[in-house]
Amino acid sequence: TDKVLAETGLFAMVGKAERGPAAIASIVRHKTPYLAAVGGAAYLISKSIKAARIVAFEDLGMEAIYEFDVQDMPVIMAVDVEGNSIHNSGPLEWRKRMAADSIARNIGI
C-alpha cells in the first residue's frame, strides 16, 4: 500500500476487505482514504463508473490499478485519513449496544 500511495498520487482507494495496521499507517501518511464497496453490489457499483482506464500493473488483470470517473458510487468510508477504521469502531459499537441490551433485559427494562 505504501509504495502504491507514494508513487501514484491516488485520491482514494476502493476495495471490500479490511485494511491491516501497515496499510492504515500508509493511509494516514499519504492522506488517502480507503472506501469500501459492499460485496454483492457489483451491478450498482458498475453503473456508477462512467469511464475507466488502467494506470498501473496491467499484467495483474482485475488487480491492476484503475482510474475511474464515477458518479454516485455506493461506497462507504472504511478508513479515513486519520486512521479511523469501521472494522475497528463498528464491532466496538455493537459490543457496547449488545451489552447494554443484555443488561436492560436482565434487570427487566
N, C-alpha and C. Protein backbone atom coordinates (compact mmCIF):
# COMPACT_ATOMS: atom_id res chain seq x y z
N THR A 1 0.83 -1.19 0.00
CA THR A 1 0.00 0.00 0.00
C THR A 1 0.87 1.25 0.00
N ASP A 2 1.92 1.24 0.82
CA ASP A 2 2.74 2.45 0.91
C ASP A 2 3.39 2.78 -0.42
N LYS A 3 3.93 1.79 -1.11
CA LYS A 3 4.57 2.03 -2.41
C LYS A 3 3.57 2.59 -3.41
N VAL A 4 2.39 2.00 -3.47
CA VAL A 4 1.37 2.46 -4.41
C VAL A 4 0.96 3.90 -4.09
N LEU A 5 0.70 4.19 -2.83
CA LEU A 5 0.28 5.54 -2.46
C LEU A 5 1.40 6.56 -2.66
N ALA A 6 2.62 6.16 -2.39
CA ALA A 6 3.75 7.08 -2.54
C ALA A 6 4.01 7.42 -4.00
N GLU A 7 3.75 6.48 -4.90
CA GLU A 7 4.14 6.67 -6.29
C GLU A 7 3.01 7.02 -7.25
N THR A 8 1.76 7.02 -6.77
CA THR A 8 0.66 7.25 -7.71
C THR A 8 -0.13 8.53 -7.48
N GLY A 9 -0.14 9.05 -6.28
CA GLY A 9 -0.95 10.24 -6.01
C GLY A 9 -2.44 9.95 -6.03
N LEU A 10 -2.82 8.74 -5.66
CA LEU A 10 -4.24 8.37 -5.65
C LEU A 10 -5.05 9.32 -4.78
N PHE A 11 -6.26 9.60 -5.21
CA PHE A 11 -7.21 10.42 -4.44
C PHE A 11 -7.84 9.57 -3.34
N ALA A 12 -8.17 8.31 -3.66
CA ALA A 12 -8.78 7.38 -2.72
C ALA A 12 -8.62 5.97 -3.27
N MET A 13 -8.76 4.99 -2.39
CA MET A 13 -8.75 3.58 -2.81
C MET A 13 -10.13 3.01 -2.54
N VAL A 14 -10.54 2.07 -3.38
CA VAL A 14 -11.81 1.40 -3.19
C VAL A 14 -11.55 -0.10 -3.16
N GLY A 15 -12.12 -0.77 -2.19
CA GLY A 15 -11.99 -2.22 -2.08
C GLY A 15 -13.12 -2.76 -1.24
N LYS A 16 -12.98 -3.99 -0.77
CA LYS A 16 -14.04 -4.54 0.08
C LYS A 16 -13.49 -5.29 1.29
N ALA A 17 -12.18 -5.33 1.43
CA ALA A 17 -11.58 -6.07 2.54
C ALA A 17 -11.06 -5.12 3.62
N GLU A 18 -10.89 -5.66 4.81
CA GLU A 18 -10.32 -4.90 5.92
C GLU A 18 -8.86 -4.56 5.63
N ARG A 19 -8.41 -3.41 6.07
CA ARG A 19 -7.01 -2.99 5.93
C ARG A 19 -6.30 -3.26 7.24
N GLY A 20 -5.07 -3.78 7.15
CA GLY A 20 -4.27 -4.06 8.34
C GLY A 20 -3.54 -2.83 8.84
N PRO A 21 -2.82 -2.97 9.95
CA PRO A 21 -2.14 -1.82 10.56
C PRO A 21 -1.15 -1.11 9.62
N ALA A 22 -0.38 -1.85 8.84
CA ALA A 22 0.59 -1.21 7.93
C ALA A 22 -0.13 -0.41 6.85
N ALA A 23 -1.20 -0.94 6.31
CA ALA A 23 -1.96 -0.22 5.29
C ALA A 23 -2.62 1.02 5.88
N ILE A 24 -3.14 0.90 7.10
CA ILE A 24 -3.77 2.06 7.74
C ILE A 24 -2.72 3.14 8.00
N ALA A 25 -1.53 2.75 8.41
CA ALA A 25 -0.46 3.74 8.61
C ALA A 25 -0.14 4.46 7.30
N SER A 26 -0.13 3.75 6.19
CA SER A 26 0.10 4.36 4.88
C SER A 26 -1.02 5.31 4.49
N ILE A 27 -2.24 4.91 4.79
CA ILE A 27 -3.41 5.76 4.50
C ILE A 27 -3.27 7.09 5.24
N VAL A 28 -2.88 7.01 6.50
CA VAL A 28 -2.69 8.23 7.31
C VAL A 28 -1.53 9.06 6.75
N ARG A 29 -0.41 8.41 6.48
CA ARG A 29 0.79 9.11 5.99
C ARG A 29 0.52 9.85 4.69
N HIS A 30 -0.22 9.22 3.79
CA HIS A 30 -0.45 9.80 2.46
C HIS A 30 -1.79 10.51 2.34
N LYS A 31 -2.57 10.52 3.43
CA LYS A 31 -3.87 11.21 3.43
C LYS A 31 -4.76 10.72 2.28
N THR A 32 -4.80 9.40 2.11
CA THR A 32 -5.57 8.78 1.04
C THR A 32 -6.59 7.82 1.65
N PRO A 33 -7.85 8.18 1.74
CA PRO A 33 -8.84 7.32 2.39
C PRO A 33 -9.10 6.02 1.63
N TYR A 34 -9.61 5.07 2.38
CA TYR A 34 -9.99 3.77 1.82
C TYR A 34 -11.50 3.66 1.90
N LEU A 35 -12.12 3.48 0.77
CA LEU A 35 -13.58 3.37 0.69
C LEU A 35 -13.95 1.92 0.46
N ALA A 36 -14.99 1.46 1.11
CA ALA A 36 -15.42 0.07 0.98
C ALA A 36 -16.67 -0.02 0.11
N ALA A 37 -16.60 -0.95 -0.82
CA ALA A 37 -17.75 -1.29 -1.65
C ALA A 37 -18.41 -2.51 -1.02
N VAL A 38 -19.70 -2.51 -0.97
CA VAL A 38 -20.42 -3.63 -0.37
C VAL A 38 -20.37 -4.83 -1.29
N GLY A 39 -19.95 -5.96 -0.74
CA GLY A 39 -19.94 -7.18 -1.53
C GLY A 39 -21.33 -7.50 -2.05
N GLY A 40 -21.44 -7.96 -3.27
CA GLY A 40 -22.73 -8.28 -3.86
C GLY A 40 -23.39 -7.10 -4.55
N ALA A 41 -22.76 -5.93 -4.48
CA ALA A 41 -23.34 -4.74 -5.09
C ALA A 41 -22.63 -4.38 -6.40
N ALA A 42 -21.99 -5.34 -7.03
CA ALA A 42 -21.20 -5.06 -8.23
C ALA A 42 -22.01 -4.38 -9.32
N TYR A 43 -23.23 -4.79 -9.51
CA TYR A 43 -24.06 -4.18 -10.55
C TYR A 43 -24.26 -2.70 -10.29
N LEU A 44 -24.63 -2.36 -9.05
CA LEU A 44 -24.84 -0.95 -8.70
C LEU A 44 -23.55 -0.14 -8.84
N ILE A 45 -22.46 -0.73 -8.39
CA ILE A 45 -21.17 -0.05 -8.49
C ILE A 45 -20.79 0.16 -9.95
N SER A 46 -20.98 -0.86 -10.77
CA SER A 46 -20.60 -0.75 -12.18
C SER A 46 -21.39 0.35 -12.88
N LYS A 47 -22.63 0.57 -12.46
CA LYS A 47 -23.45 1.62 -13.08
C LYS A 47 -22.94 3.02 -12.74
N SER A 48 -22.19 3.16 -11.65
CA SER A 48 -21.67 4.47 -11.26
C SER A 48 -20.36 4.81 -11.96
N ILE A 49 -19.72 3.83 -12.60
CA ILE A 49 -18.45 4.08 -13.29
C ILE A 49 -18.75 4.57 -14.70
N LYS A 50 -18.38 5.80 -14.96
CA LYS A 50 -18.66 6.42 -16.25
C LYS A 50 -17.51 6.23 -17.24
N ALA A 51 -16.28 6.08 -16.74
CA ALA A 51 -15.12 5.84 -17.59
C ALA A 51 -14.04 5.17 -16.73
N ALA A 52 -13.19 4.35 -17.35
CA ALA A 52 -12.12 3.68 -16.61
C ALA A 52 -10.91 3.52 -17.51
N ARG A 53 -9.74 3.60 -16.88
CA ARG A 53 -8.51 3.30 -17.61
C ARG A 53 -7.50 2.71 -16.63
N ILE A 54 -6.70 1.78 -17.12
CA ILE A 54 -5.66 1.17 -16.31
C ILE A 54 -4.49 2.15 -16.24
N VAL A 55 -4.01 2.40 -15.02
CA VAL A 55 -2.88 3.31 -14.86
C VAL A 55 -1.61 2.61 -14.38
N ALA A 56 -1.73 1.38 -13.86
CA ALA A 56 -0.54 0.66 -13.40
C ALA A 56 -0.84 -0.83 -13.26
N PHE A 57 0.18 -1.62 -13.44
CA PHE A 57 0.12 -3.07 -13.23
C PHE A 57 -0.92 -3.77 -14.12
N GLU A 58 -0.94 -3.42 -15.38
CA GLU A 58 -1.90 -4.01 -16.32
C GLU A 58 -1.84 -5.53 -16.32
N ASP A 59 -0.65 -6.08 -16.13
CA ASP A 59 -0.47 -7.53 -16.16
C ASP A 59 -1.21 -8.25 -15.02
N LEU A 60 -1.69 -7.50 -14.04
CA LEU A 60 -2.41 -8.11 -12.92
C LEU A 60 -3.91 -8.27 -13.18
N GLY A 61 -4.36 -7.89 -14.37
CA GLY A 61 -5.77 -8.05 -14.71
C GLY A 61 -6.67 -7.25 -13.80
N MET A 62 -7.62 -7.94 -13.14
CA MET A 62 -8.58 -7.26 -12.26
C MET A 62 -7.91 -6.60 -11.06
N GLU A 63 -6.71 -7.00 -10.73
CA GLU A 63 -5.99 -6.40 -9.60
C GLU A 63 -5.15 -5.20 -10.01
N ALA A 64 -5.19 -4.83 -11.29
CA ALA A 64 -4.47 -3.64 -11.77
C ALA A 64 -5.03 -2.41 -11.08
N ILE A 65 -4.31 -1.32 -11.18
CA ILE A 65 -4.79 -0.06 -10.63
C ILE A 65 -5.49 0.71 -11.74
N TYR A 66 -6.74 1.05 -11.48
CA TYR A 66 -7.57 1.75 -12.46
C TYR A 66 -7.85 3.18 -11.99
N GLU A 67 -8.04 4.03 -12.94
CA GLU A 67 -8.57 5.37 -12.67
C GLU A 67 -10.00 5.37 -13.16
N PHE A 68 -10.93 5.74 -12.30
CA PHE A 68 -12.34 5.76 -12.65
C PHE A 68 -12.88 7.18 -12.63
N ASP A 69 -13.77 7.47 -13.53
CA ASP A 69 -14.64 8.63 -13.43
C ASP A 69 -15.96 8.08 -12.93
N VAL A 70 -16.40 8.53 -11.74
CA VAL A 70 -17.60 7.96 -11.14
C VAL A 70 -18.63 9.03 -10.82
N GLN A 71 -19.86 8.57 -10.70
CA GLN A 71 -20.95 9.43 -10.28
C GLN A 71 -21.83 8.63 -9.34
N ASP A 72 -22.02 9.12 -8.12
CA ASP A 72 -22.88 8.48 -7.13
C ASP A 72 -22.49 7.03 -6.84
N MET A 73 -21.21 6.78 -6.64
CA MET A 73 -20.75 5.41 -6.35
C MET A 73 -21.17 5.02 -4.93
N PRO A 74 -21.85 3.87 -4.78
CA PRO A 74 -22.32 3.45 -3.45
C PRO A 74 -21.20 2.79 -2.64
N VAL A 75 -20.37 3.61 -2.02
CA VAL A 75 -19.30 3.13 -1.15
C VAL A 75 -19.40 3.86 0.19
N ILE A 76 -18.72 3.32 1.20
CA ILE A 76 -18.67 3.98 2.50
C ILE A 76 -17.21 4.19 2.89
N MET A 77 -16.98 5.17 3.74
CA MET A 77 -15.63 5.44 4.25
C MET A 77 -15.26 4.32 5.21
N ALA A 78 -14.30 3.50 4.84
CA ALA A 78 -13.88 2.40 5.70
C ALA A 78 -12.70 2.79 6.58
N VAL A 79 -11.75 3.54 6.02
CA VAL A 79 -10.62 4.07 6.79
C VAL A 79 -10.41 5.51 6.37
N ASP A 80 -10.54 6.43 7.33
CA ASP A 80 -10.35 7.84 6.98
C ASP A 80 -8.88 8.23 7.09
N VAL A 81 -8.56 9.46 6.75
CA VAL A 81 -7.17 9.90 6.70
C VAL A 81 -6.55 10.06 8.09
N GLU A 82 -7.35 9.89 9.13
CA GLU A 82 -6.82 9.90 10.50
C GLU A 82 -6.62 8.49 11.04
N GLY A 83 -6.94 7.47 10.21
CA GLY A 83 -6.73 6.08 10.61
C GLY A 83 -7.90 5.44 11.30
N ASN A 84 -9.03 6.13 11.37
CA ASN A 84 -10.23 5.54 11.96
C ASN A 84 -10.81 4.51 11.00
N SER A 85 -11.01 3.30 11.47
CA SER A 85 -11.48 2.21 10.63
C SER A 85 -12.82 1.67 11.13
N ILE A 86 -13.76 1.51 10.21
CA ILE A 86 -15.05 0.93 10.59
C ILE A 86 -14.90 -0.52 11.03
N HIS A 87 -13.82 -1.16 10.61
CA HIS A 87 -13.59 -2.55 11.02
C HIS A 87 -13.18 -2.63 12.49
N ASN A 88 -12.77 -1.50 13.06
CA ASN A 88 -12.49 -1.43 14.50
C ASN A 88 -13.65 -0.80 15.26
N SER A 89 -14.11 0.35 14.79
CA SER A 89 -15.15 1.08 15.51
C SER A 89 -16.51 0.38 15.43
N GLY A 90 -16.82 -0.24 14.32
CA GLY A 90 -18.11 -0.92 14.17
C GLY A 90 -18.32 -2.02 15.19
N PRO A 91 -17.41 -2.99 15.27
CA PRO A 91 -17.58 -4.06 16.27
C PRO A 91 -17.60 -3.54 17.71
N LEU A 92 -16.78 -2.52 18.01
CA LEU A 92 -16.80 -1.94 19.36
C LEU A 92 -18.16 -1.36 19.69
N GLU A 93 -18.73 -0.62 18.75
CA GLU A 93 -20.05 -0.01 18.96
C GLU A 93 -21.12 -1.09 19.17
N TRP A 94 -21.09 -2.14 18.36
CA TRP A 94 -22.11 -3.18 18.50
C TRP A 94 -21.95 -3.98 19.78
N ARG A 95 -20.70 -4.19 20.22
CA ARG A 95 -20.50 -4.86 21.51
C ARG A 95 -21.09 -4.03 22.65
N LYS A 96 -20.89 -2.70 22.59
CA LYS A 96 -21.46 -1.81 23.62
C LYS A 96 -22.99 -1.90 23.61
N ARG A 97 -23.58 -1.83 22.42
CA ARG A 97 -25.05 -1.87 22.31
C ARG A 97 -25.60 -3.20 22.80
N MET A 98 -24.93 -4.29 22.41
CA MET A 98 -25.41 -5.61 22.83
C MET A 98 -25.28 -5.78 24.34
N ALA A 99 -24.20 -5.26 24.93
CA ALA A 99 -24.03 -5.34 26.38
C ALA A 99 -25.12 -4.54 27.07
N ALA A 100 -25.40 -3.34 26.58
CA ALA A 100 -26.44 -2.50 27.18
C ALA A 100 -27.81 -3.19 27.07
N ASP A 101 -28.10 -3.79 25.93
CA ASP A 101 -29.37 -4.50 25.76
C ASP A 101 -29.46 -5.69 26.71
N SER A 102 -28.35 -6.40 26.88
CA SER A 102 -28.33 -7.56 27.78
C SER A 102 -28.58 -7.13 29.22
N ILE A 103 -27.93 -6.06 29.63
CA ILE A 103 -28.13 -5.54 30.99
C ILE A 103 -29.58 -5.12 31.18
N ALA A 104 -30.13 -4.41 30.20
CA ALA A 104 -31.52 -3.96 30.29
C ALA A 104 -32.47 -5.15 30.40
N ARG A 105 -32.24 -6.19 29.64
CA ARG A 105 -33.10 -7.38 29.73
C ARG A 105 -32.97 -8.07 31.07
N ASN A 106 -31.75 -8.13 31.59
CA ASN A 106 -31.52 -8.80 32.88
C ASN A 106 -32.14 -8.07 34.07
N ILE A 107 -32.28 -6.77 33.94
CA ILE A 107 -32.90 -6.03 35.07
C ILE A 107 -34.36 -5.68 34.78
N GLY A 108 -34.87 -6.20 33.65
CA GLY A 108 -36.28 -6.05 33.34
C GLY A 108 -36.70 -4.71 32.76
N ILE A 109 -35.78 -4.03 32.10
CA ILE A 109 -36.15 -2.73 31.49
C ILE A 109 -36.62 -2.98 30.07
